[in-house]
Amino acid sequence: GFRVSSPEQGEEWYRAGIANGGTGVEDPPGIRDRGERGKMFLAYLRDPDGNKLCALRKMGN
């Protein structure tokens, strides 16, 4: 995945991907509780070639 500096940057990345032919996959972008790994911002999309991409940011517990 691609590390982003903030959830806002991850949202921008996601919107740019959608605007350029990508499609959203899995849950909408947002902060998720990953159990022992803590909270993470995750955003998944597929590019026009079908590759699955992810933007992520580890958040504080």
PDB file of N, CA and C in Angstrom:
ATOM      1  N   GLY A   1       0.808  -1.191   0.000  1.00  0.00           N
ATOM      2  CA  GLY A   1       0.000   0.000   0.000  1.00  0.00           C
ATOM      3  C   GLY A   1       0.852   1.255   0.000  1.00  0.00           C
ATOM      4  N   PHE A   2       0.188   2.370  -0.150  1.00  0.00           N
ATOM      5  CA  PHE A   2       0.821   3.683  -0.129  1.00  0.00           C
ATOM      6  C   PHE A   2       0.572   4.323   1.227  1.00  0.00           C
ATOM      7  N   ARG A   3       1.615   4.736   1.892  1.00  0.00           N
ATOM      8  CA  ARG A   3       1.455   5.426   3.171  1.00  0.00           C
ATOM      9  C   ARG A   3       1.095   6.881   2.903  1.00  0.00           C
ATOM     10  N   VAL A   4       0.094   7.358   3.620  1.00  0.00           N
ATOM     11  CA  VAL A   4      -0.309   8.757   3.525  1.00  0.00           C
ATOM     12  C   VAL A   4      -0.034   9.429   4.861  1.00  0.00           C
ATOM     13  N   SER A   5       0.102  10.749   4.840  1.00  0.00           N
ATOM     14  CA  SER A   5       0.462  11.476   6.059  1.00  0.00           C
ATOM     15  C   SER A   5      -0.726  11.775   6.956  1.00  0.00           C
ATOM     16  N   SER A   6      -1.942  11.629   6.415  1.00  0.00           N
ATOM     17  CA  SER A   6      -3.147  11.913   7.200  1.00  0.00           C
ATOM     18  C   SER A   6      -4.347  11.258   6.519  1.00  0.00           C
ATOM     19  N   PRO A   7      -5.440  11.078   7.268  1.00  0.00           N
ATOM     20  CA  PRO A   7      -6.659  10.577   6.625  1.00  0.00           C
ATOM     21  C   PRO A   7      -7.131  11.506   5.499  1.00  0.00           C
ATOM     22  N   GLU A   8      -6.934  12.806   5.670  1.00  0.00           N
ATOM     23  CA  GLU A   8      -7.355  13.755   4.631  1.00  0.00           C
ATOM     24  C   GLU A   8      -6.590  13.513   3.331  1.00  0.00           C
ATOM     25  N   GLN A   9      -5.289  13.260   3.445  1.00  0.00           N
ATOM     26  CA  GLN A   9      -4.503  12.967   2.252  1.00  0.00           C
ATOM     27  C   GLN A   9      -4.975  11.659   1.618  1.00  0.00           C
ATOM     28  N   GLY A  10      -5.332  10.685   2.445  1.00  0.00           N
ATOM     29  CA  GLY A  10      -5.862   9.430   1.930  1.00  0.00           C
ATOM     30  C   GLY A  10      -7.179   9.622   1.194  1.00  0.00           C
ATOM     31  N   GLU A  11      -8.034  10.480   1.726  1.00  0.00           N
ATOM     32  CA  GLU A  11      -9.312  10.790   1.054  1.00  0.00           C
ATOM     33  C   GLU A  11      -9.048  11.465  -0.291  1.00  0.00           C
ATOM     34  N   GLU A  12      -8.088  12.394  -0.334  1.00  0.00           N
ATOM     35  CA  GLU A  12      -7.732  13.063  -1.593  1.00  0.00           C
ATOM     36  C   GLU A  12      -7.226  12.045  -2.609  1.00  0.00           C
ATOM     37  N   TRP A  13      -6.360  11.129  -2.159  1.00  0.00           N
ATOM     38  CA  TRP A  13      -5.826  10.085  -3.029  1.00  0.00           C
ATOM     39  C   TRP A  13      -6.972   9.253  -3.611  1.00  0.00           C
ATOM     40  N   TYR A  14      -7.906   8.873  -2.757  1.00  0.00           N
ATOM     41  CA  TYR A  14      -9.045   8.059  -3.179  1.00  0.00           C
ATOM     42  C   TYR A  14      -9.897   8.811  -4.209  1.00  0.00           C
ATOM     43  N   ARG A  15     -10.232  10.062  -3.908  1.00  0.00           N
ATOM     44  CA  ARG A  15     -11.054  10.854  -4.845  1.00  0.00           C
ATOM     45  C   ARG A  15     -10.353  11.027  -6.189  1.00  0.00           C
ATOM     46  N   ALA A  16      -9.037  11.266  -6.170  1.00  0.00           N
ATOM     47  CA  ALA A  16      -8.278  11.409  -7.416  1.00  0.00           C
ATOM     48  C   ALA A  16      -8.296  10.100  -8.201  1.00  0.00           C
ATOM     49  N   GLY A  17      -8.171   8.982  -7.502  1.00  0.00           N
ATOM     50  CA  GLY A  17      -8.223   7.687  -8.176  1.00  0.00           C
ATOM     51  C   GLY A  17      -9.564   7.436  -8.844  1.00  0.00           C
ATOM     52  N   ILE A  18     -10.639   7.751  -8.143  1.00  0.00           N
ATOM     53  CA  ILE A  18     -11.988   7.582  -8.707  1.00  0.00           C
ATOM     54  C   ILE A  18     -12.180   8.514  -9.904  1.00  0.00           C
ATOM     55  N   ALA A  19     -11.719   9.764  -9.777  1.00  0.00           N
ATOM     56  CA  ALA A  19     -11.864  10.747 -10.852  1.00  0.00           C
ATOM     57  C   ALA A  19     -11.083  10.348 -12.103  1.00  0.00           C
ATOM     58  N   ASN A  20     -10.090   9.488 -11.940  1.00  0.00           N
ATOM     59  CA  ASN A  20      -9.257   9.079 -13.071  1.00  0.00           C
ATOM     60  C   ASN A  20      -9.515   7.643 -13.509  1.00  0.00           C
ATOM     61  N   GLY A  21     -10.722   7.160 -13.263  1.00  0.00           N
ATOM     62  CA  GLY A  21     -11.133   5.868 -13.799  1.00  0.00           C
ATOM     63  C   GLY A  21     -11.055   4.696 -12.846  1.00  0.00           C
ATOM     64  N   GLY A  22     -10.645   4.931 -11.596  1.00  0.00           N
ATOM     65  CA  GLY A  22     -10.601   3.853 -10.614  1.00  0.00           C
ATOM     66  C   GLY A  22     -11.989   3.542 -10.078  1.00  0.00           C
ATOM     67  N   THR A  23     -12.112   2.429  -9.396  1.00  0.00           N
ATOM     68  CA  THR A  23     -13.376   2.057  -8.761  1.00  0.00           C
ATOM     69  C   THR A  23     -13.107   1.674  -7.309  1.00  0.00           C
ATOM     70  N   GLY A  24     -14.014   2.081  -6.437  1.00  0.00           N
ATOM     71  CA  GLY A  24     -13.891   1.758  -5.026  1.00  0.00           C
ATOM     72  C   GLY A  24     -14.139   0.281  -4.779  1.00  0.00           C
ATOM     73  N   VAL A  25     -13.384  -0.293  -3.857  1.00  0.00           N
ATOM     74  CA  VAL A  25     -13.576  -1.688  -3.457  1.00  0.00           C
ATOM     75  C   VAL A  25     -13.544  -1.761  -1.939  1.00  0.00           C
ATOM     76  N   GLU A  26     -14.094  -2.829  -1.412  1.00  0.00           N
ATOM     77  CA  GLU A  26     -14.191  -3.060   0.029  1.00  0.00           C
ATOM     78  C   GLU A  26     -15.026  -1.950   0.670  1.00  0.00           C
ATOM     79  N   ASP A  27     -14.748  -1.625   1.927  1.00  0.00           N
ATOM     80  CA  ASP A  27     -15.506  -0.592   2.635  1.00  0.00           C
ATOM     81  C   ASP A  27     -15.091   0.792   2.157  1.00  0.00           C
ATOM     82  N   PRO A  28     -15.944   1.808   2.383  1.00  0.00           N
ATOM     83  CA  PRO A  28     -15.542   3.173   2.042  1.00  0.00           C
ATOM     84  C   PRO A  28     -14.288   3.567   2.835  1.00  0.00           C
ATOM     85  N   PRO A  29     -13.522   4.543   2.337  1.00  0.00           N
ATOM     86  CA  PRO A  29     -12.340   4.989   3.071  1.00  0.00           C
ATOM     87  C   PRO A  29     -12.708   5.408   4.491  1.00  0.00           C
ATOM     88  N   GLY A  30     -11.838   5.088   5.442  1.00  0.00           N
ATOM     89  CA  GLY A  30     -12.108   5.490   6.814  1.00  0.00           C
ATOM     90  C   GLY A  30     -11.162   4.836   7.798  1.00  0.00           C
ATOM     91  N   ILE A  31     -11.331   5.209   9.062  1.00  0.00           N
ATOM     92  CA  ILE A  31     -10.509   4.668  10.136  1.00  0.00           C
ATOM     93  C   ILE A  31     -11.140   3.369  10.616  1.00  0.00           C
ATOM     94  N   ARG A  32     -10.319   2.341  10.716  1.00  0.00           N
ATOM     95  CA  ARG A  32     -10.799   1.024  11.135  1.00  0.00           C
ATOM     96  C   ARG A  32      -9.982   0.530  12.312  1.00  0.00           C
ATOM     97  N   ASP A  33     -10.647  -0.179  13.206  1.00  0.00           N
ATOM     98  CA  ASP A  33      -9.964  -0.781  14.352  1.00  0.00           C
ATOM     99  C   ASP A  33      -9.406  -2.119  13.907  1.00  0.00           C
ATOM    100  N   ARG A  34      -8.087  -2.259  13.966  1.00  0.00           N
ATOM    101  CA  ARG A  34      -7.415  -3.479  13.519  1.00  0.00           C
ATOM    102  C   ARG A  34      -6.988  -4.351  14.692  1.00  0.00           C
ATOM    103  N   GLY A  35      -7.714  -4.247  15.810  1.00  0.00           N
ATOM    104  CA  GLY A  35      -7.420  -5.084  16.971  1.00  0.00           C
ATOM    105  C   GLY A  35      -6.078  -4.746  17.581  1.00  0.00           C
ATOM    106  N   GLU A  36      -5.238  -5.753  17.736  1.00  0.00           N
ATOM    107  CA  GLU A  36      -3.926  -5.559  18.353  1.00  0.00           C
ATOM    108  C   GLU A  36      -3.029  -4.624  17.549  1.00  0.00           C
ATOM    109  N   ARG A  37      -3.298  -4.482  16.265  1.00  0.00           N
ATOM    110  CA  ARG A  37      -2.490  -3.594  15.420  1.00  0.00           C
ATOM    111  C   ARG A  37      -2.909  -2.136  15.560  1.00  0.00           C
ATOM    112  N   GLY A  38      -3.957  -1.875  16.315  1.00  0.00           N
ATOM    113  CA  GLY A  38      -4.416  -0.504  16.524  1.00  0.00           C
ATOM    114  C   GLY A  38      -5.331  -0.026  15.410  1.00  0.00           C
ATOM    115  N   LYS A  39      -5.547   1.264  15.378  1.00  0.00           N
ATOM    116  CA  LYS A  39      -6.428   1.863  14.380  1.00  0.00           C
ATOM    117  C   LYS A  39      -5.620   2.302  13.168  1.00  0.00           C
ATOM    118  N   MET A  40      -6.252   2.128  12.000  1.00  0.00           N
ATOM    119  CA  MET A  40      -5.614   2.520  10.750  1.00  0.00           C
ATOM    120  C   MET A  40      -6.637   3.182   9.847  1.00  0.00           C
ATOM    121  N   PHE A  41      -6.185   4.193   9.108  1.00  0.00           N
ATOM    122  CA  PHE A  41      -6.991   4.725   8.014  1.00  0.00           C
ATOM    123  C   PHE A  41      -6.685   3.853   6.804  1.00  0.00           C
ATOM    124  N   LEU A  42      -7.725   3.361   6.133  1.00  0.00           N
ATOM    125  CA  LEU A  42      -7.559   2.528   4.944  1.00  0.00           C
ATOM    126  C   LEU A  42      -8.495   3.003   3.845  1.00  0.00           C
ATOM    127  N   ALA A  43      -7.991   3.016   2.619  1.00  0.00           N
ATOM    128  CA  ALA A  43      -8.799   3.332   1.442  1.00  0.00           C
ATOM    129  C   ALA A  43      -8.341   2.411   0.319  1.00  0.00           C
ATOM    130  N   TYR A  44      -9.262   1.642  -0.232  1.00  0.00           N
ATOM    131  CA  TYR A  44      -8.937   0.695  -1.296  1.00  0.00           C
ATOM    132  C   TYR A  44      -9.643   1.092  -2.581  1.00  0.00           C
ATOM    133  N   LEU A  45      -8.933   0.936  -3.700  1.00  0.00           N
ATOM    134  CA  LEU A  45      -9.569   1.088  -5.006  1.00  0.00           C
ATOM    135  C   LEU A  45      -8.845   0.225  -6.023  1.00  0.00           C
ATOM    136  N   ARG A  46      -9.497   0.047  -7.158  1.00  0.00           N
ATOM    137  CA  ARG A  46      -8.870  -0.641  -8.290  1.00  0.00           C
ATOM    138  C   ARG A  46      -8.620   0.398  -9.370  1.00  0.00           C
ATOM    139  N   ASP A  47      -7.410   0.356  -9.930  1.00  0.00           N
ATOM    140  CA  ASP A  47      -7.101   1.276 -11.016  1.00  0.00           C
ATOM    141  C   ASP A  47      -7.761   0.767 -12.296  1.00  0.00           C
ATOM    142  N   PRO A  48      -7.720   1.562 -13.384  1.00  0.00           N
ATOM    143  CA  PRO A  48      -8.384   1.132 -14.618  1.00  0.00           C
ATOM    144  C   PRO A  48      -7.880  -0.205 -15.171  1.00  0.00           C
ATOM    145  N   ASP A  49      -6.665  -0.624 -14.796  1.00  0.00           N
ATOM    146  CA  ASP A  49      -6.144  -1.917 -15.244  1.00  0.00           C
ATOM    147  C   ASP A  49      -6.549  -3.068 -14.332  1.00  0.00           C
ATOM    148  N   GLY A  50      -7.268  -2.758 -13.247  1.00  0.00           N
ATOM    149  CA  GLY A  50      -7.746  -3.796 -12.342  1.00  0.00           C
ATOM    150  C   GLY A  50      -6.848  -4.079 -11.152  1.00  0.00           C
ATOM    151  N   ASN A  51      -5.740  -3.336 -11.008  1.00  0.00           N
ATOM    152  CA  ASN A  51      -4.854  -3.522  -9.854  1.00  0.00           C
ATOM    153  C   ASN A  51      -5.502  -2.968  -8.596  1.00  0.00           C
ATOM    154  N   LYS A  52      -5.430  -3.715  -7.510  1.00  0.00           N
ATOM    155  CA  LYS A  52      -5.983  -3.265  -6.228  1.00  0.00           C
ATOM    156  C   LYS A  52      -4.923  -2.447  -5.494  1.00  0.00           C
ATOM    157  N   LEU A  53      -5.281  -1.227  -5.124  1.00  0.00           N
ATOM    158  CA  LEU A  53      -4.374  -0.302  -4.455  1.00  0.00           C
ATOM    159  C   LEU A  53      -4.942   0.101  -3.107  1.00  0.00           C
ATOM    160  N   CYS A  54      -4.056   0.466  -2.187  1.00  0.00           N
ATOM    161  CA  CYS A  54      -4.488   0.852  -0.850  1.00  0.00           C
ATOM    162  C   CYS A  54      -3.685   2.049  -0.369  1.00  0.00           C
ATOM    163  N   ALA A  55      -4.370   3.010   0.233  1.00  0.00           N
ATOM    164  CA  ALA A  55      -3.723   4.098   0.968  1.00  0.00           C
ATOM    165  C   ALA A  55      -3.929   3.793   2.437  1.00  0.00           C
ATOM    166  N   LEU A  56      -2.874   3.952   3.243  1.00  0.00           N
ATOM    167  CA  LEU A  56      -3.009   3.622   4.661  1.00  0.00           C
ATOM    168  C   LEU A  56      -2.223   4.577   5.539  1.00  0.00           C
ATOM    169  N   ARG A  57      -2.715   4.708   6.762  1.00  0.00           N
ATOM    170  CA  ARG A  57      -2.069   5.526   7.788  1.00  0.00           C
ATOM    171  C   ARG A  57      -2.350   4.892   9.134  1.00  0.00           C
ATOM    172  N   LYS A  58      -1.296   4.544   9.871  1.00  0.00           N
ATOM    173  CA  LYS A  58      -1.475   4.003  11.218  1.00  0.00           C
ATOM    174  C   LYS A  58      -1.821   5.157  12.147  1.00  0.00           C
ATOM    175  N   MET A  59      -2.890   4.976  12.926  1.00  0.00           N
ATOM    176  CA  MET A  59      -3.361   6.002  13.845  1.00  0.00           C
ATOM    177  C   MET A  59      -2.971   5.599  15.263  1.00  0.00           C
ATOM    178  N   GLY A  60      -3.049   6.527  16.170  1.00  0.00           N
ATOM    179  CA  GLY A  60      -2.812   6.189  17.571  1.00  0.00           C
ATOM    180  C   GLY A  60      -3.887   5.253  18.086  1.00  0.00           C
ATOM    181  N   ASN A  61      -3.574   4.482  19.110  1.00  0.00           N
ATOM    182  CA  ASN A  61      -4.551   3.558  19.697  1.00  0.00           C
ATOM    183  C   ASN A  61      -5.564   4.352  20.402  1.00  0.00           C
TER     184      ASN A  61
END
